[in-house]
PDB file of N, CA and C in Angstrom:
ATOM      1  N   UNK A   1       0.838  -1.196   0.007  1.00  0.00           N
ATOM      2  CA  UNK A   1      -0.014  -0.011  -0.011  1.00  0.00           C
ATOM      3  C   UNK A   1       0.876   1.242  -0.027  1.00  0.00           C
ATOM      4  N   UNK A   2       0.345   2.312  -0.617  1.00  0.00           N
ATOM      5  CA  UNK A   2       1.091   3.555  -0.590  1.00  0.00           C
ATOM      6  C   UNK A   2       0.674   4.428   0.617  1.00  0.00           C
ATOM      7  N   UNK A   3       1.535   5.383   0.932  1.00  0.00           N
ATOM      8  CA  UNK A   3       1.252   6.238   2.027  1.00  0.00           C
ATOM      9  C   UNK A   3       0.393   7.437   1.645  1.00  0.00           C
ATOM     10  N   UNK A   4      -0.787   7.609   2.279  1.00  0.00           N
ATOM     11  CA  UNK A   4      -1.695   8.639   1.955  1.00  0.00           C
ATOM     12  C   UNK A   4      -1.290   9.930   2.722  1.00  0.00           C
ATOM     13  N   UNK A   5      -0.923   9.812   3.968  1.00  0.00           N
ATOM     14  CA  UNK A   5      -0.542  10.936   4.821  1.00  0.00           C
ATOM     15  C   UNK A   5       0.762  10.533   5.609  1.00  0.00           C
ATOM     16  N   UNK A   6       1.718  11.420   5.552  1.00  0.00           N
ATOM     17  CA  UNK A   6       2.966  11.222   6.306  1.00  0.00           C
ATOM     18  C   UNK A   6       3.207  12.508   7.137  1.00  0.00           C
ATOM     19  N   UNK A   7       3.127  12.375   8.409  1.00  0.00           N
ATOM     20  CA  UNK A   7       3.416  13.485   9.354  1.00  0.00           C
ATOM     21  C   UNK A   7       4.697  13.174  10.071  1.00  0.00           C
ATOM     22  N   UNK A   8       5.707  14.041  10.008  1.00  0.00           N
ATOM     23  CA  UNK A   8       6.976  13.696  10.606  1.00  0.00           C
ATOM     24  C   UNK A   8       7.474  14.870  11.443  1.00  0.00           C
ATOM     25  N   UNK A   9       7.631  14.593  12.738  1.00  0.00           N
ATOM     26  CA  UNK A   9       8.194  15.524  13.694  1.00  0.00           C
ATOM     27  C   UNK A   9       7.492  16.901  13.710  1.00  0.00           C
ATOM     28  N   UNK A  10       6.126  16.859  13.660  1.00  0.00           N
ATOM     29  CA  UNK A  10       5.349  18.115  13.663  1.00  0.00           C
ATOM     30  C   UNK A  10       5.324  18.688  15.061  1.00  0.00           C
ATOM     31  N   UNK A  11       5.579  19.993  15.162  1.00  0.00           N
ATOM     32  CA  UNK A  11       5.457  20.699  16.398  1.00  0.00           C
ATOM     33  C   UNK A  11       4.607  21.923  16.207  1.00  0.00           C
ATOM     34  N   UNK A  12       3.790  22.272  17.203  1.00  0.00           N
ATOM     35  CA  UNK A  12       2.946  23.462  17.189  1.00  0.00           C
ATOM     36  C   UNK A  12       2.847  24.000  18.625  1.00  0.00           C
ATOM     37  N   UNK A  13       3.199  25.271  18.711  1.00  0.00           N
ATOM     38  CA  UNK A  13       3.146  25.951  20.035  1.00  0.00           C
ATOM     39  C   UNK A  13       2.300  27.179  19.927  1.00  0.00           C
ATOM     40  N   UNK A  14       1.408  27.412  20.845  1.00  0.00           N
ATOM     41  CA  UNK A  14       0.554  28.611  20.890  1.00  0.00           C
ATOM     42  C   UNK A  14       1.011  29.474  22.008  1.00  0.00           C
ATOM     43  N   UNK A  15       0.838  30.785  21.863  1.00  0.00           N
ATOM     44  CA  UNK A  15       1.118  31.727  22.891  1.00  0.00           C
ATOM     45  C   UNK A  15      -0.208  32.036  23.604  1.00  0.00           C
ATOM     46  N   UNK A  16      -0.216  31.991  24.900  1.00  0.00           N
ATOM     47  CA  UNK A  16      -1.355  32.335  25.701  1.00  0.00           C
ATOM     48  C   UNK A  16      -0.858  33.352  26.766  1.00  0.00           C
ATOM     49  N   UNK A  17      -0.953  34.641  26.356  1.00  0.00           N
ATOM     50  CA  UNK A  17      -0.350  35.690  27.167  1.00  0.00           C
ATOM     51  C   UNK A  17       1.134  35.535  27.181  1.00  0.00           C
ATOM     52  N   UNK A  18       1.750  35.449  28.317  1.00  0.00           N
ATOM     53  CA  UNK A  18       3.184  35.242  28.423  1.00  0.00           C
ATOM     54  C   UNK A  18       3.545  33.738  28.454  1.00  0.00           C
ATOM     55  N   UNK A  19       2.536  32.930  28.526  1.00  0.00           N
ATOM     56  CA  UNK A  19       2.765  31.458  28.625  1.00  0.00           C
ATOM     57  C   UNK A  19       2.722  30.816  27.162  1.00  0.00           C
ATOM     58  N   UNK A  20       3.623  29.877  26.945  1.00  0.00           N
ATOM     59  CA  UNK A  20       3.601  29.141  25.704  1.00  0.00           C
ATOM     60  C   UNK A  20       3.002  27.765  25.971  1.00  0.00           C
ATOM     61  N   UNK A  21       2.077  27.353  25.128  1.00  0.00           N
ATOM     62  CA  UNK A  21       1.398  26.071  25.280  1.00  0.00           C
ATOM     63  C   UNK A  21       1.816  25.182  24.083  1.00  0.00           C
ATOM     64  N   UNK A  22       2.427  24.037  24.363  1.00  0.00           N
ATOM     65  CA  UNK A  22       2.805  23.130  23.264  1.00  0.00           C
ATOM     66  C   UNK A  22       1.648  22.152  23.006  1.00  0.00           C
ATOM     67  N   UNK A  23       1.056  22.294  21.822  1.00  0.00           N
ATOM     68  CA  UNK A  23      -0.031  21.429  21.439  1.00  0.00           C
ATOM     69  C   UNK A  23       0.483  20.100  20.836  1.00  0.00           C
ATOM     70  N   UNK A  24       1.548  20.207  20.006  1.00  0.00           N
ATOM     71  CA  UNK A  24       2.150  19.012  19.425  1.00  0.00           C
ATOM     72  C   UNK A  24       3.655  19.163  19.551  1.00  0.00           C
ATOM     73  N   UNK A  25       4.314  18.087  19.977  1.00  0.00           N
ATOM     74  CA  UNK A  25       5.759  18.133  20.175  1.00  0.00           C
ATOM     75  C   UNK A  25       6.426  16.998  19.433  1.00  0.00           C
ATOM     76  N   UNK A  26       6.900  17.306  18.259  1.00  0.00           N
ATOM     77  CA  UNK A  26       7.623  16.314  17.391  1.00  0.00           C
ATOM     78  C   UNK A  26       6.783  15.031  17.197  1.00  0.00           C
ATOM     79  N   UNK A  27       5.513  15.237  16.797  1.00  0.00           N
ATOM     80  CA  UNK A  27       4.596  14.127  16.561  1.00  0.00           C
ATOM     81  C   UNK A  27       4.769  13.565  15.150  1.00  0.00           C
ATOM     82  N   UNK A  28       4.754  12.255  15.037  1.00  0.00           N
ATOM     83  CA  UNK A  28       4.904  11.571  13.746  1.00  0.00           C
ATOM     84  C   UNK A  28       3.852  10.475  13.600  1.00  0.00           C
ATOM     85  N   UNK A  29       3.321  10.331  12.391  1.00  0.00           N
ATOM     86  CA  UNK A  29       2.337   9.314  12.093  1.00  0.00           C
ATOM     87  C   UNK A  29       2.344   9.079  10.571  1.00  0.00           C
ATOM     88  N   UNK A  30       2.096   7.847  10.165  1.00  0.00           N
ATOM     89  CA  UNK A  30       1.897   7.561   8.786  1.00  0.00           C
ATOM     90  C   UNK A  30       0.597   6.797   8.554  1.00  0.00           C
ATOM     91  N   UNK A  31      -0.198   7.251   7.606  1.00  0.00           N
ATOM     92  CA  UNK A  31      -1.467   6.611   7.333  1.00  0.00           C
ATOM     93  C   UNK A  31      -1.419   6.027   5.903  1.00  0.00           C
ATOM     94  N   UNK A  32      -1.613   4.752   5.801  1.00  0.00           N
ATOM     95  CA  UNK A  32      -1.612   4.103   4.499  1.00  0.00           C
ATOM     96  C   UNK A  32      -2.856   4.329   3.743  1.00  0.00           C
ATOM     97  N   UNK A  33      -2.776   4.364   2.430  1.00  0.00           N
ATOM     98  CA  UNK A  33      -3.955   4.583   1.596  1.00  0.00           C
ATOM     99  C   UNK A  33      -4.924   3.452   1.829  1.00  0.00           C
ATOM    100  N   UNK A  34      -6.223   3.755   1.938  1.00  0.00           N
ATOM    101  CA  UNK A  34      -7.269   2.747   2.123  1.00  0.00           C
ATOM    102  C   UNK A  34      -7.564   2.299   3.519  1.00  0.00           C
ATOM    103  N   UNK A  35      -6.817   2.895   4.489  1.00  0.00           N
ATOM    104  CA  UNK A  35      -7.045   2.510   5.897  1.00  0.00           C
ATOM    105  C   UNK A  35      -7.891   3.551   6.609  1.00  0.00           C
ATOM    106  N   UNK A  36      -8.516   3.138   7.676  1.00  0.00           N
ATOM    107  CA  UNK A  36      -9.271   4.049   8.544  1.00  0.00           C
ATOM    108  C   UNK A  36      -8.458   4.272   9.795  1.00  0.00           C
ATOM    109  N   UNK A  37      -8.569   5.530  10.237  1.00  0.00           N
ATOM    110  CA  UNK A  37      -7.786   5.898  11.436  1.00  0.00           C
ATOM    111  C   UNK A  37      -8.670   6.566  12.477  1.00  0.00           C
ATOM    112  N   UNK A  38      -8.500   6.261  13.691  1.00  0.00           N
ATOM    113  CA  UNK A  38      -9.219   6.872  14.808  1.00  0.00           C
ATOM    114  C   UNK A  38      -8.189   7.598  15.635  1.00  0.00           C
ATOM    115  N   UNK A  39      -8.412   8.903  15.865  1.00  0.00           N
ATOM    116  CA  UNK A  39      -7.496   9.687  16.697  1.00  0.00           C
ATOM    117  C   UNK A  39      -8.159   9.897  18.038  1.00  0.00           C
ATOM    118  N   UNK A  40      -7.521   9.383  19.094  1.00  0.00           N
ATOM    119  CA  UNK A  40      -8.107   9.419  20.426  1.00  0.00           C
ATOM    120  C   UNK A  40      -7.099  10.023  21.389  1.00  0.00           C
ATOM    121  N   UNK A  41      -7.584  10.735  22.390  1.00  0.00           N
ATOM    122  CA  UNK A  41      -6.694  11.270  23.433  1.00  0.00           C
ATOM    123  C   UNK A  41      -7.486  12.114  24.390  1.00  0.00           C
ATOM    124  N   UNK A  42      -6.853  12.504  25.453  1.00  0.00           N
ATOM    125  CA  UNK A  42      -7.521  13.312  26.451  1.00  0.00           C
ATOM    126  C   UNK A  42      -7.703  14.735  25.925  1.00  0.00           C
ATOM    127  N   UNK A  43      -8.541  15.488  26.574  1.00  0.00           N
ATOM    128  CA  UNK A  43      -8.790  16.844  26.211  1.00  0.00           C
ATOM    129  C   UNK A  43      -7.509  17.648  26.300  1.00  0.00           C
ATOM    130  N   UNK A  44      -7.227  18.389  25.272  1.00  0.00           N
ATOM    131  CA  UNK A  44      -6.012  19.203  25.217  1.00  0.00           C
ATOM    132  C   UNK A  44      -4.716  18.492  24.741  1.00  0.00           C
ATOM    133  N   UNK A  45      -4.941  17.253  24.213  1.00  0.00           N
ATOM    134  CA  UNK A  45      -3.765  16.492  23.774  1.00  0.00           C
ATOM    135  C   UNK A  45      -3.303  16.781  22.348  1.00  0.00           C
ATOM    136  N   UNK A  46      -4.029  17.615  21.643  1.00  0.00           N
ATOM    137  CA  UNK A  46      -3.602  18.018  20.278  1.00  0.00           C
ATOM    138  C   UNK A  46      -4.330  17.401  19.146  1.00  0.00           C
ATOM    139  N   UNK A  47      -5.406  16.673  19.399  1.00  0.00           N
ATOM    140  CA  UNK A  47      -6.162  15.983  18.299  1.00  0.00           C
ATOM    141  C   UNK A  47      -6.659  16.986  17.279  1.00  0.00           C
ATOM    142  N   UNK A  48      -7.354  17.993  17.698  1.00  0.00           N
ATOM    143  CA  UNK A  48      -7.919  18.973  16.758  1.00  0.00           C
ATOM    144  C   UNK A  48      -6.798  19.767  16.074  1.00  0.00           C
ATOM    145  N   UNK A  49      -5.755  20.074  16.797  1.00  0.00           N
ATOM    146  CA  UNK A  49      -4.637  20.770  16.205  1.00  0.00           C
ATOM    147  C   UNK A  49      -3.991  19.955  15.081  1.00  0.00           C
ATOM    148  N   UNK A  50      -3.816  18.688  15.293  1.00  0.00           N
ATOM    149  CA  UNK A  50      -3.253  17.800  14.273  1.00  0.00           C
ATOM    150  C   UNK A  50      -4.121  17.795  13.028  1.00  0.00           C
ATOM    151  N   UNK A  51      -5.438  17.547  13.231  1.00  0.00           N
ATOM    152  CA  UNK A  51      -6.345  17.503  12.069  1.00  0.00           C
ATOM    153  C   UNK A  51      -6.438  18.819  11.366  1.00  0.00           C
ATOM    154  N   UNK A  52      -6.386  19.915  12.065  1.00  0.00           N
ATOM    155  CA  UNK A  52      -6.405  21.211  11.396  1.00  0.00           C
ATOM    156  C   UNK A  52      -5.145  21.480  10.625  1.00  0.00           C
ATOM    157  N   UNK A  53      -4.022  21.014  11.115  1.00  0.00           N
ATOM    158  CA  UNK A  53      -2.763  21.124  10.379  1.00  0.00           C
ATOM    159  C   UNK A  53      -2.773  20.274   9.127  1.00  0.00           C
ATOM    160  N   UNK A  54      -3.147  19.033   9.258  1.00  0.00           N
ATOM    161  CA  UNK A  54      -3.253  18.159   8.069  1.00  0.00           C
ATOM    162  C   UNK A  54      -4.223  18.714   7.019  1.00  0.00           C
ATOM    163  N   UNK A  55      -5.296  19.304   7.502  1.00  0.00           N
ATOM    164  CA  UNK A  55      -6.293  19.837   6.556  1.00  0.00           C
ATOM    165  C   UNK A  55      -5.900  21.214   5.999  1.00  0.00           C
ATOM    166  N   UNK A  56      -4.803  21.745   6.412  1.00  0.00           N
ATOM    167  CA  UNK A  56      -4.315  23.030   5.924  1.00  0.00           C
ATOM    168  C   UNK A  56      -4.998  24.223   6.614  1.00  0.00           C
ATOM    169  N   UNK A  57      -5.699  24.028   7.722  1.00  0.00           N
ATOM    170  CA  UNK A  57      -6.409  25.117   8.373  1.00  0.00           C
ATOM    171  C   UNK A  57      -5.553  25.790   9.460  1.00  0.00           C
ATOM    172  N   UNK A  58      -4.502  25.204   9.811  1.00  0.00           N
ATOM    173  CA  UNK A  58      -3.595  25.770  10.846  1.00  0.00           C
ATOM    174  C   UNK A  58      -2.129  25.580  10.367  1.00  0.00           C
ATOM    175  N   UNK A  59      -1.223  26.413  10.894  1.00  0.00           N
ATOM    176  CA  UNK A  59       0.145  26.275  10.555  1.00  0.00           C
ATOM    177  C   UNK A  59       0.864  25.428  11.558  1.00  0.00           C
ATOM    178  N   UNK A  60       2.050  24.974  11.197  1.00  0.00           N
ATOM    179  CA  UNK A  60       2.901  24.275  12.193  1.00  0.00           C
ATOM    180  C   UNK A  60       4.250  24.922  12.270  1.00  0.00           C
ATOM    181  N   UNK A  61       4.898  24.710  13.401  1.00  0.00           N
ATOM    182  CA  UNK A  61       6.161  25.435  13.644  1.00  0.00           C
ATOM    183  C   UNK A  61       7.387  24.687  13.042  1.00  0.00           C
ATOM    184  N   UNK A  62       7.346  23.379  13.044  1.00  0.00           N
ATOM    185  CA  UNK A  62       8.438  22.620  12.466  1.00  0.00           C
ATOM    186  C   UNK A  62       7.920  21.238  12.109  1.00  0.00           C
ATOM    187  N   UNK A  63       8.736  20.545  11.278  1.00  0.00           N
ATOM    188  CA  UNK A  63       8.412  19.218  10.823  1.00  0.00           C
ATOM    189  C   UNK A  63       7.980  19.233   9.385  1.00  0.00           C
ATOM    190  N   UNK A  64       7.404  18.118   8.925  1.00  0.00           N
ATOM    191  CA  UNK A  64       6.971  18.050   7.526  1.00  0.00           C
ATOM    192  C   UNK A  64       5.689  17.195   7.407  1.00  0.00           C
ATOM    193  N   UNK A  65       4.885  17.506   6.394  1.00  0.00           N
ATOM    194  CA  UNK A  65       3.659  16.791   6.124  1.00  0.00           C
ATOM    195  C   UNK A  65       3.579  16.526   4.632  1.00  0.00           C
ATOM    196  N   UNK A  66       3.273  15.292   4.261  1.00  0.00           N
ATOM    197  CA  UNK A  66       3.009  14.963   2.895  1.00  0.00           C
ATOM    198  C   UNK A  66       1.627  14.323   2.821  1.00  0.00           C
ATOM    199  N   UNK A  67       0.749  14.923   2.018  1.00  0.00           N
ATOM    200  CA  UNK A  67      -0.645  14.441   1.817  1.00  0.00           C
ATOM    201  C   UNK A  67      -0.800  14.149   0.349  1.00  0.00           C
ATOM    202  N   UNK A  68      -1.104  12.889   0.050  1.00  0.00           N
ATOM    203  CA  UNK A  68      -1.293  12.472  -1.352  1.00  0.00           C
ATOM    204  C   UNK A  68      -0.124  12.853  -2.254  1.00  0.00           C
ATOM    205  N   UNK A  69       1.076  12.703  -1.695  1.00  0.00           N
ATOM    206  CA  UNK A  69       2.257  12.977  -2.429  1.00  0.00           C
ATOM    207  C   UNK A  69       2.694  14.440  -2.508  1.00  0.00           C
ATOM    208  N   UNK A  70       1.909  15.326  -2.005  1.00  0.00           N
ATOM    209  CA  UNK A  70       2.255  16.755  -2.038  1.00  0.00           C
ATOM    210  C   UNK A  70       2.661  17.209  -0.680  1.00  0.00           C
ATOM    211  N   UNK A  71       3.774  17.974  -0.616  1.00  0.00           N
ATOM    212  CA  UNK A  71       4.291  18.432   0.623  1.00  0.00           C
ATOM    213  C   UNK A  71       3.570  19.709   1.105  1.00  0.00           C
ATOM    214  N   UNK A  72       3.165  19.719   2.412  1.00  0.00           N
ATOM    215  CA  UNK A  72       2.578  20.919   3.005  1.00  0.00           C
ATOM    216  C   UNK A  72       3.695  21.754   3.578  1.00  0.00           C
ATOM    217  N   UNK A  73       3.581  23.055   3.493  1.00  0.00           N
ATOM    218  CA  UNK A  73       4.604  23.949   4.100  1.00  0.00           C
ATOM    219  C   UNK A  73       3.892  24.769   5.150  1.00  0.00           C
ATOM    220  N   UNK A  74       4.689  25.108   6.203  1.00  0.00           N
ATOM    221  CA  UNK A  74       4.062  25.937   7.284  1.00  0.00           C
ATOM    222  C   UNK A  74       3.596  27.285   6.694  1.00  0.00           C
ATOM    223  N   UNK A  75       2.420  27.697   7.090  1.00  0.00           N
ATOM    224  CA  UNK A  75       1.901  29.007   6.638  1.00  0.00           C
ATOM    225  C   UNK A  75       2.510  30.088   7.516  1.00  0.00           C
ATOM    226  N   UNK A  76       2.668  31.254   6.992  1.00  0.00           N
ATOM    227  CA  UNK A  76       3.143  32.365   7.811  1.00  0.00           C
ATOM    228  C   UNK A  76       2.006  32.748   8.749  1.00  0.00           C
ATOM    229  N   UNK A  77       2.261  33.360   9.871  1.00  0.00           N
ATOM    230  CA  UNK A  77       1.230  33.757  10.824  1.00  0.00           C
ATOM    231  C   UNK A  77       0.230  34.714  10.223  1.00  0.00           C
ATOM    232  N   UNK A  78       0.622  35.479   9.214  1.00  0.00           N
ATOM    233  CA  UNK A  78      -0.316  36.451   8.644  1.00  0.00           C
ATOM    234  C   UNK A  78      -0.818  36.017   7.278  1.00  0.00           C
ATOM    235  N   UNK A  79      -0.822  34.674   7.007  1.00  0.00           N
ATOM    236  CA  UNK A  79      -1.225  34.141   5.694  1.00  0.00           C
ATOM    237  C   UNK A  79      -2.583  34.659   5.277  1.00  0.00           C
ATOM    238  N   UNK A  80      -3.616  34.676   6.163  1.00  0.00           N
ATOM    239  CA  UNK A  80      -4.925  35.061   5.762  1.00  0.00           C
ATOM    240  C   UNK A  80      -5.020  36.579   5.585  1.00  0.00           C
ATOM    241  N   UNK A  81      -4.161  37.352   6.172  1.00  0.00           N
ATOM    242  CA  UNK A  81      -4.131  38.814   5.923  1.00  0.00           C
ATOM    243  C   UNK A  81      -3.553  39.101   4.550  1.00  0.00           C
ATOM    244  N   UNK A  82      -2.662  38.207   4.073  1.00  0.00           N
ATOM    245  CA  UNK A  82      -1.979  38.505   2.781  1.00  0.00           C
ATOM    246  C   UNK A  82      -2.784  37.980   1.600  1.00  0.00           C
ATOM    247  N   UNK A  83      -3.711  37.111   1.792  1.00  0.00           N
ATOM    248  CA  UNK A  83      -4.475  36.486   0.701  1.00  0.00           C
ATOM    249  C   UNK A  83      -5.936  36.828   0.768  1.00  0.00           C
ATOM    250  N   UNK A  84      -6.538  37.151  -0.340  1.00  0.00           N
ATOM    251  CA  UNK A  84      -7.966  37.366  -0.431  1.00  0.00           C
ATOM    252  C   UNK A  84      -8.558  36.194  -1.099  1.00  0.00           C
ATOM    253  N   UNK A  85      -9.636  35.637  -0.481  1.00  0.00           N
ATOM    254  CA  UNK A  85     -10.245  34.473  -1.084  1.00  0.00           C
ATOM    255  C   UNK A  85     -11.629  34.821  -1.613  1.00  0.00           C
TER     256      UNK A  85
END
């Protein structure tokens, strides 16, 4: 089977005032084409952050993502200010 999604060493940190919150810390996962995946974890463990990053809705600080053979790049923090849809 071929790899549909490859997430390697993804990290994402949010600023909450003066505090930094690490949502994902060097997280890696590979999903083979044709498989079903269930993402489970406690509240605040980064499930939604991971899915938002894979879906292109959120940026990531470091690491790499390949979806269907195409590489995702981290968006700049002001991506939506720079682009009109």
